[in-house]
């Protein structure tokens, strides 16, 4: 049996929406997608983008990030996070992780903020790993106390909730989504920037289209450019396809929770394997990450030989050549993230997985674990 790490879903609604675009129907799929998504997450404004990385970069533009500014992020995140900071010649500040939940260590963050108050700290980018299982409210208060903006990287947290509210409507100035998450390549690419701040939204919207301003009463071809932006707009075809999936997000999460329950039950007592410690019954499980006590790569290779693909979220940033060289970072500078990296492994989890496929993954893990000493 072959189990990919991710398999996208394409149903009748996607085909219908895409056909409308190809048939020349005068339907603004981008506008409808933005309205549907804002309603889904409970935000005032939603701006679609060509990718999740585009949404993050646009967030930095909207916050007027400048050379020499500093942006805090977890050392355990996708390279796109510090990348968008470096494009402004600003400095990403890496914080080690909390080994209990793999997110940014809030105690260490608090120490850093106290030691570096008012030193050009512009924002904190918080990456959510498959859902929310840490104190987002505490982080937001810490940031607010020092007038620091909070940007949530929700690439792996679509549909996740915190304190009963959808991510995208709580404890952030900006939340960025990615509809083709890292290691989960969808058939279409796209991102979304959501906010309740009208000024941020207007600035992001302006800069997403070359800084072009048009007067409503003018001819369509009359325009002015009032700032330097870029082209981060989502295509009508991508919007049509992605819009159809919004209505299925809740059902998808329920299926992922069911899959996680099988993993939890089957893998709880397997030698060399540690399942995630998540008490929140509403956790969305957009990722399911286990720990392998040693020789993680060998374990993953043996699983691959049995037809099961796995993922890794992520290689800590201080181990990557660019950041290691640029900021003279050492391997042991972030010990908790290093230990995490040496053990963590993401298992396949997506709505179209059958129970049979999930149990096959579990059987493969049990088989491989028996060969390890």
Protein backbone atom coordinates (compact mmCIF):
# COMPACT_ATOMS: atom_id res chain seq x y z
CA UNK A 1 0.00 0.00 0.00
CA UNK A 2 1.22 3.52 -0.84
CA UNK A 3 0.33 6.32 1.58
CA UNK A 4 1.40 9.81 0.45
CA UNK A 5 2.07 12.49 3.03
CA UNK A 6 -0.82 14.50 1.62
CA UNK A 7 -3.52 14.07 -1.02
CA UNK A 8 -5.65 16.99 -2.16
CA UNK A 9 -9.43 16.72 -2.53
CA UNK A 10 -11.27 17.79 -5.66
CA UNK A 11 -15.05 17.53 -5.62
CA UNK A 12 -17.97 18.67 -7.75
CA UNK A 13 -18.00 22.16 -6.22
CA UNK A 14 -14.43 22.82 -7.37
CA UNK A 15 -15.21 21.66 -10.90
CA UNK A 16 -18.35 23.79 -11.02
CA UNK A 17 -16.60 26.96 -9.85
CA UNK A 18 -13.68 26.48 -12.22
CA UNK A 19 -16.07 25.81 -15.12
CA UNK A 20 -17.81 29.12 -14.41
CA UNK A 21 -14.49 30.92 -14.85
CA UNK A 22 -13.52 29.00 -17.98
CA UNK A 23 -16.96 29.57 -19.48
CA UNK A 24 -16.57 33.32 -19.06
CA UNK A 25 -19.24 33.74 -16.40
CA UNK A 26 -19.16 37.27 -15.00
CA UNK A 27 -18.58 36.17 -11.43
CA UNK A 28 -15.79 37.74 -9.37
CA UNK A 29 -14.51 34.58 -7.70
CA UNK A 30 -11.78 36.49 -5.85
CA UNK A 31 -14.26 38.86 -4.22
CA UNK A 32 -16.61 36.01 -3.30
CA UNK A 33 -13.72 33.98 -1.87
CA UNK A 34 -12.60 36.88 0.31
CA UNK A 35 -16.12 37.49 1.60
CA UNK A 36 -16.72 33.79 2.30
CA UNK A 37 -13.40 33.45 4.10
CA UNK A 38 -13.84 36.58 6.23
CA UNK A 39 -17.23 35.26 7.32
CA UNK A 40 -15.79 31.80 8.04
CA UNK A 41 -13.01 33.02 10.35
CA UNK A 42 -14.98 35.95 11.76
CA UNK A 43 -12.67 38.75 10.65
CA UNK A 44 -13.63 42.19 9.35
CA UNK A 45 -11.37 42.03 6.32
CA UNK A 46 -9.81 39.33 4.15
CA UNK A 47 -7.38 39.91 1.30
CA UNK A 48 -6.45 37.01 -0.98
CA UNK A 49 -2.88 36.60 -2.19
CA UNK A 50 -0.99 34.42 -4.66
CA UNK A 51 0.57 32.37 -1.84
CA UNK A 52 0.95 32.17 1.91
CA UNK A 53 4.43 33.65 1.65
CA UNK A 54 2.98 36.57 -0.31
CA UNK A 55 0.51 37.14 2.54
CA UNK A 56 3.36 37.21 5.08
CA UNK A 57 5.42 39.60 2.98
CA UNK A 58 2.38 41.80 2.48
CA UNK A 59 1.85 41.81 6.25
CA UNK A 60 5.35 43.18 6.73
CA UNK A 61 4.70 45.82 4.06
CA UNK A 62 1.44 46.83 5.73
CA UNK A 63 3.23 47.19 9.08
CA UNK A 64 5.83 49.43 7.41
CA UNK A 65 8.78 47.22 8.36
CA UNK A 66 12.07 49.02 7.74
CA UNK A 67 15.79 48.38 7.66
CA UNK A 68 17.12 47.70 11.15
CA UNK A 69 13.75 46.76 12.62
CA UNK A 70 13.48 43.48 14.51
CA UNK A 71 10.82 40.77 14.25
CA UNK A 72 10.62 37.91 16.75
CA UNK A 73 9.78 34.37 15.62
CA UNK A 74 10.28 30.79 16.72
CA UNK A 75 13.53 29.17 15.64
CA UNK A 76 11.31 26.26 14.59
CA UNK A 77 9.35 27.60 11.64
CA UNK A 78 9.31 27.52 7.86
CA UNK A 79 12.07 29.56 6.15
CA UNK A 80 9.40 31.81 4.61
CA UNK A 81 8.92 33.52 7.99
CA UNK A 82 12.42 35.00 8.48
CA UNK A 83 12.75 35.33 4.71
CA UNK A 84 10.03 37.97 4.48
CA UNK A 85 11.74 39.86 7.30
CA UNK A 86 15.14 39.80 5.62
CA UNK A 87 13.68 41.24 2.40
CA UNK A 88 13.42 44.53 4.31
CA UNK A 89 16.97 44.22 5.65
CA UNK A 90 15.31 43.81 9.03
CA UNK A 91 16.49 41.26 11.59
CA UNK A 92 14.62 38.09 12.62
CA UNK A 93 15.09 37.32 16.31
CA UNK A 94 14.90 33.58 16.99
CA UNK A 95 13.38 32.20 20.19
CA UNK A 96 13.74 28.58 21.32
CA UNK A 97 10.70 26.32 21.60
CA UNK A 98 8.62 24.92 24.44
CA UNK A 99 9.26 21.17 24.39
CA UNK A 100 5.74 20.43 25.62
CA UNK A 101 3.92 21.94 22.64
CA UNK A 102 6.70 22.68 20.09
CA UNK A 103 5.59 26.32 19.80
CA UNK A 104 7.60 29.39 20.70
CA UNK A 105 8.68 29.33 24.38
CA UNK A 106 6.62 32.08 26.03
CA UNK A 107 8.83 32.26 29.12
CA UNK A 108 11.90 32.83 26.97
CA UNK A 109 9.97 35.34 24.87
CA UNK A 110 8.97 37.25 28.00
CA UNK A 111 12.60 37.38 29.12
CA UNK A 112 13.70 38.66 25.73
CA UNK A 113 11.04 41.37 25.65
CA UNK A 114 11.96 42.55 29.15
CA UNK A 115 15.65 42.67 28.27
CA UNK A 116 15.13 44.40 24.92
CA UNK A 117 12.22 46.78 25.47
CA UNK A 118 11.83 49.51 22.85
CA UNK A 119 14.79 48.34 20.76
CA UNK A 120 13.18 48.58 17.32
CA UNK A 121 11.00 45.53 17.98
CA UNK A 122 8.29 45.79 15.36
CA UNK A 123 6.38 42.50 15.42
CA UNK A 124 6.15 38.90 16.59
CA UNK A 125 5.32 36.25 13.99
CA UNK A 126 3.74 33.21 15.65
CA UNK A 127 3.72 29.97 13.69
CA UNK A 128 0.95 27.55 14.66
CA UNK A 129 1.85 23.88 14.28
CA UNK A 130 -1.28 22.05 13.23
CA UNK A 131 -3.54 23.90 15.67
CA UNK A 132 -3.33 25.96 18.86
CA UNK A 133 -2.10 24.27 22.03
CA UNK A 134 -0.35 27.13 23.78
CA UNK A 135 -1.28 30.38 25.53
CA UNK A 136 -1.99 32.74 22.64
CA UNK A 137 -3.72 35.23 24.95
CA UNK A 138 -0.59 35.55 27.09
CA UNK A 139 1.56 36.17 24.03
CA UNK A 140 -0.81 38.85 22.74
CA UNK A 141 -0.79 40.66 26.09
CA UNK A 142 3.01 40.61 26.24
CA UNK A 143 3.17 42.12 22.76
CA UNK A 144 0.49 44.72 23.45
CA UNK A 145 2.24 45.85 26.63
CA UNK A 146 5.19 46.91 24.48
CA UNK A 147 3.21 48.09 21.45
CA UNK A 148 4.47 45.21 19.32
CA UNK A 149 2.29 43.86 16.52
CA UNK A 150 1.31 40.17 16.43
CA UNK A 151 1.18 38.31 13.13
CA UNK A 152 -0.03 34.71 13.15
CA UNK A 153 1.38 32.33 10.55
CA UNK A 154 -1.59 29.98 10.21
CA UNK A 155 -0.29 28.06 7.19
CA UNK A 156 -0.81 24.82 9.13
CA UNK A 157 -3.83 25.94 11.16
CA UNK A 158 -6.72 26.56 8.76
CA UNK A 159 -9.99 26.19 10.67
CA UNK A 160 -8.30 25.99 14.08
CA UNK A 161 -9.94 27.61 17.10
CA UNK A 162 -8.77 29.22 20.32
CA UNK A 163 -11.10 29.87 23.27
CA UNK A 164 -14.02 29.00 21.00
CA UNK A 165 -13.11 31.53 18.30
CA UNK A 166 -11.57 30.86 14.91
CA UNK A 167 -7.93 31.70 14.32
CA UNK A 168 -8.12 34.82 12.19
CA UNK A 169 -10.45 36.61 14.58
CA UNK A 170 -8.54 36.48 17.88
CA UNK A 171 -5.28 37.70 19.44
CA UNK A 172 -3.55 38.98 16.32
CA UNK A 173 -3.22 42.16 14.32
CA UNK A 174 -2.82 40.10 11.15
CA UNK A 175 -3.29 36.40 10.43
CA UNK A 176 -1.87 34.79 7.29
CA UNK A 177 -3.16 31.56 5.79
CA UNK A 178 -1.72 29.31 3.08
CA UNK A 179 -3.98 27.08 0.99
CA UNK A 180 -1.05 24.98 -0.18
CA UNK A 181 0.67 24.44 3.17
CA UNK A 182 4.31 23.47 3.56
CA UNK A 183 4.86 19.86 2.40
CA UNK A 184 1.14 19.60 1.49
CA UNK A 185 1.11 20.74 -2.13
CA UNK A 186 -2.43 21.51 -3.27
CA UNK A 187 -3.50 21.62 -6.92
CA UNK A 188 -3.86 25.41 -6.56
CA UNK A 189 -1.75 27.94 -4.69
CA UNK A 190 -3.08 30.84 -2.69
CA UNK A 191 -2.94 32.70 0.58
CA UNK A 192 -5.12 34.98 2.65
CA UNK A 193 -4.34 37.94 4.89
CA UNK A 194 -7.06 38.68 7.45
CA UNK A 195 -7.33 41.54 9.93
CA UNK A 196 -9.82 43.66 11.85
CA UNK A 197 -7.72 46.78 11.29
CA UNK A 198 -9.07 48.88 8.41
CA UNK A 199 -5.82 50.82 7.99
CA UNK A 200 -3.76 47.62 7.72
CA UNK A 201 -6.24 46.16 5.24
CA UNK A 202 -6.29 49.24 3.03
CA UNK A 203 -2.50 49.45 2.96
CA UNK A 204 -2.15 45.73 2.21
CA UNK A 205 -4.74 45.93 -0.55
CA UNK A 206 -2.99 48.91 -2.13
CA UNK A 207 0.44 47.27 -2.05
CA UNK A 208 -0.86 43.92 -3.35
CA UNK A 209 -1.43 45.57 -6.74
CA UNK A 210 1.65 47.70 -7.48
CA UNK A 211 0.47 50.60 -5.30
CA UNK A 212 -2.15 51.41 -7.92
CA UNK A 213 -5.04 53.69 -6.98
CA UNK A 214 -8.12 54.14 -9.14
CA UNK A 215 -11.00 56.54 -8.75
CA UNK A 216 -14.36 54.79 -8.80
CA UNK A 217 -15.83 57.40 -11.14
CA UNK A 218 -12.95 57.25 -13.63
CA UNK A 219 -12.56 55.19 -16.77
CA UNK A 220 -11.17 51.71 -16.10
CA UNK A 221 -7.83 52.52 -17.71
CA UNK A 222 -7.19 55.64 -15.63
CA UNK A 223 -4.95 55.01 -12.61
CA UNK A 224 -2.26 56.48 -10.39
CA UNK A 225 0.60 54.86 -8.45
CA UNK A 226 0.97 56.23 -4.92
CA UNK A 227 3.37 53.70 -3.38
CA UNK A 228 5.74 50.89 -4.34
CA UNK A 229 3.99 47.54 -4.13
CA UNK A 230 4.05 44.23 -5.95
CA UNK A 231 1.65 41.88 -7.72
CA UNK A 232 0.36 39.50 -5.07
CA UNK A 233 -3.14 39.06 -6.49
CA UNK A 234 -4.86 35.68 -6.59
CA UNK A 235 -6.10 34.51 -9.99
CA UNK A 236 -9.79 33.95 -10.68
CA UNK A 237 -9.13 30.25 -11.37
CA UNK A 238 -7.28 29.71 -8.10
CA UNK A 239 -9.96 31.63 -6.20
CA UNK A 240 -12.73 29.58 -7.81
CA UNK A 241 -11.09 26.30 -6.84
CA UNK A 242 -10.14 27.34 -3.31
CA UNK A 243 -13.49 28.97 -2.52
CA UNK A 244 -15.24 25.65 -2.95
CA UNK A 245 -13.22 24.19 -0.09
CA UNK A 246 -14.22 26.72 2.56
CA UNK A 247 -17.51 24.96 3.27
CA UNK A 248 -15.66 21.68 3.91
CA UNK A 249 -13.10 22.92 6.42
CA UNK A 250 -15.15 21.94 9.49
CA UNK A 251 -15.88 18.47 8.12
CA UNK A 252 -12.21 18.06 7.21
CA UNK A 253 -11.16 18.89 10.77
CA UNK A 254 -13.63 16.38 12.19
CA UNK A 255 -12.13 13.70 9.96
CA UNK A 256 -8.60 14.67 10.98
CA UNK A 257 -9.61 14.45 14.63
CA UNK A 258 -10.96 10.95 13.99
CA UNK A 259 -7.70 9.95 12.31
CA UNK A 260 -5.71 11.39 15.22
CA UNK A 261 -7.82 9.34 17.64
CA UNK A 262 -6.83 6.17 15.77
CA UNK A 263 -3.17 7.16 15.83
CA UNK A 264 -3.38 7.95 19.56
CA UNK A 265 -4.94 4.59 20.36
CA UNK A 266 -2.74 2.45 18.12
CA UNK A 267 0.59 4.14 18.87
CA UNK A 268 0.23 4.92 22.57
CA UNK A 269 2.34 2.01 23.80
CA UNK A 270 4.67 1.50 20.84
CA UNK A 271 8.34 1.36 21.81
CA UNK A 272 10.54 4.24 20.63
CA UNK A 273 7.46 6.32 19.71
CA UNK A 274 5.89 9.20 21.65
CA UNK A 275 2.50 10.54 20.58
CA UNK A 276 1.59 14.24 20.92
CA UNK A 277 0.39 15.52 24.30
CA UNK A 278 -2.72 17.49 23.37
CA UNK A 279 -5.60 17.85 25.83
CA UNK A 280 -7.74 20.19 23.70
CA UNK A 281 -10.58 18.13 22.21
CA UNK A 282 -11.06 20.82 19.56
CA UNK A 283 -7.46 20.66 18.30
CA UNK A 284 -7.65 20.58 14.50
CA UNK A 285 -4.77 18.19 13.80
CA UNK A 286 -3.74 19.77 10.53
CA UNK A 287 -0.49 18.09 11.51
CA UNK A 288 0.10 14.94 13.54
CA UNK A 289 3.64 14.86 14.90
CA UNK A 290 5.23 12.01 16.83
CA UNK A 291 8.65 11.72 18.44
CA UNK A 292 11.09 8.94 17.60
CA UNK A 293 13.50 8.47 20.50
CA UNK A 294 16.57 8.00 18.27
CA UNK A 295 17.63 7.51 14.65
CA UNK A 296 14.59 9.38 13.31
CA UNK A 297 15.85 9.46 9.72
CA UNK A 298 16.49 5.73 9.69
CA UNK A 299 12.98 5.18 11.07
CA UNK A 300 11.48 7.39 8.34
CA UNK A 301 13.46 5.63 5.61
CA UNK A 302 12.18 2.25 6.79
CA UNK A 303 8.63 3.61 6.72
CA UNK A 304 9.22 4.92 3.22
CA UNK A 305 10.32 1.46 2.09
CA UNK A 306 6.92 0.22 3.29
CA UNK A 307 5.16 2.87 1.20
CA UNK A 308 4.47 5.49 3.89
CA UNK A 309 5.66 9.05 3.28
CA UNK A 310 6.38 11.33 6.24
CA UNK A 311 7.20 15.01 6.78
CA UNK A 312 9.25 17.24 9.06
CA UNK A 313 8.05 20.52 10.58
CA UNK A 314 10.73 21.94 10.57
CA UNK A 315 14.51 22.09 10.33
CA UNK A 316 15.39 24.74 12.95
CA UNK A 317 16.45 27.98 11.32
CA UNK A 318 19.80 28.19 13.10
CA UNK A 319 20.89 24.99 11.33
CA UNK A 320 20.29 26.47 7.87
CA UNK A 321 23.40 27.80 6.13
CA UNK A 322 22.18 31.33 5.45
CA UNK A 323 21.05 32.14 9.00
CA UNK A 324 23.89 30.21 10.63
CA UNK A 325 26.40 32.28 8.65
CA UNK A 326 24.57 35.62 8.71
CA UNK A 327 24.10 35.71 12.49
CA UNK A 328 27.05 33.47 13.52
CA UNK A 329 24.74 30.95 15.16
CA UNK A 330 25.98 27.75 16.77
CA UNK A 331 24.31 24.35 16.73
CA UNK A 332 23.71 24.41 20.49
CA UNK A 333 22.34 27.96 20.67
CA UNK A 334 18.78 26.58 20.71
CA UNK A 335 19.06 23.24 22.57
CA UNK A 336 15.34 22.49 22.86
CA UNK A 337 14.71 23.03 19.16
CA UNK A 338 17.76 20.89 18.39
CA UNK A 339 16.46 17.97 20.47
CA UNK A 340 13.03 18.38 18.89
CA UNK A 341 14.49 18.37 15.39
CA UNK A 342 16.38 15.16 16.03
CA UNK A 343 13.21 13.31 17.05
CA UNK A 344 10.11 14.79 15.44
CA UNK A 345 8.25 13.19 12.52
CA UNK A 346 4.98 14.25 10.88
CA UNK A 347 2.62 11.45 9.85
CA UNK A 348 0.14 11.54 6.95
CA UNK A 349 -3.17 13.06 8.02
CA UNK A 350 -5.75 14.36 5.56
CA UNK A 351 -9.53 14.04 5.19
CA UNK A 352 -9.51 11.52 2.35
CA UNK A 353 -7.47 8.97 4.33
CA UNK A 354 -9.48 5.83 5.03
CA UNK A 355 -9.38 4.03 8.36
CA UNK A 356 -7.66 1.17 6.54
CA UNK A 357 -4.89 3.51 5.38
CA UNK A 358 -4.48 4.99 8.87
CA UNK A 359 -4.20 1.54 10.41
CA UNK A 360 -1.67 0.56 7.75
CA UNK A 361 0.49 3.52 8.79
CA UNK A 362 0.21 2.36 12.40
CA UNK A 363 1.12 -1.21 11.45
CA UNK A 364 4.18 0.02 9.57
CA UNK A 365 5.29 2.10 12.58
CA UNK A 366 4.87 -0.91 14.87
CA UNK A 367 6.80 -3.10 12.43
CA UNK A 368 9.67 -0.63 12.12
CA UNK A 369 9.76 0.02 15.88
CA UNK A 370 10.31 -3.69 16.54
CA UNK A 371 13.53 -3.58 14.51
CA UNK A 372 14.99 -0.77 16.62
CA UNK A 373 17.06 -1.40 19.71
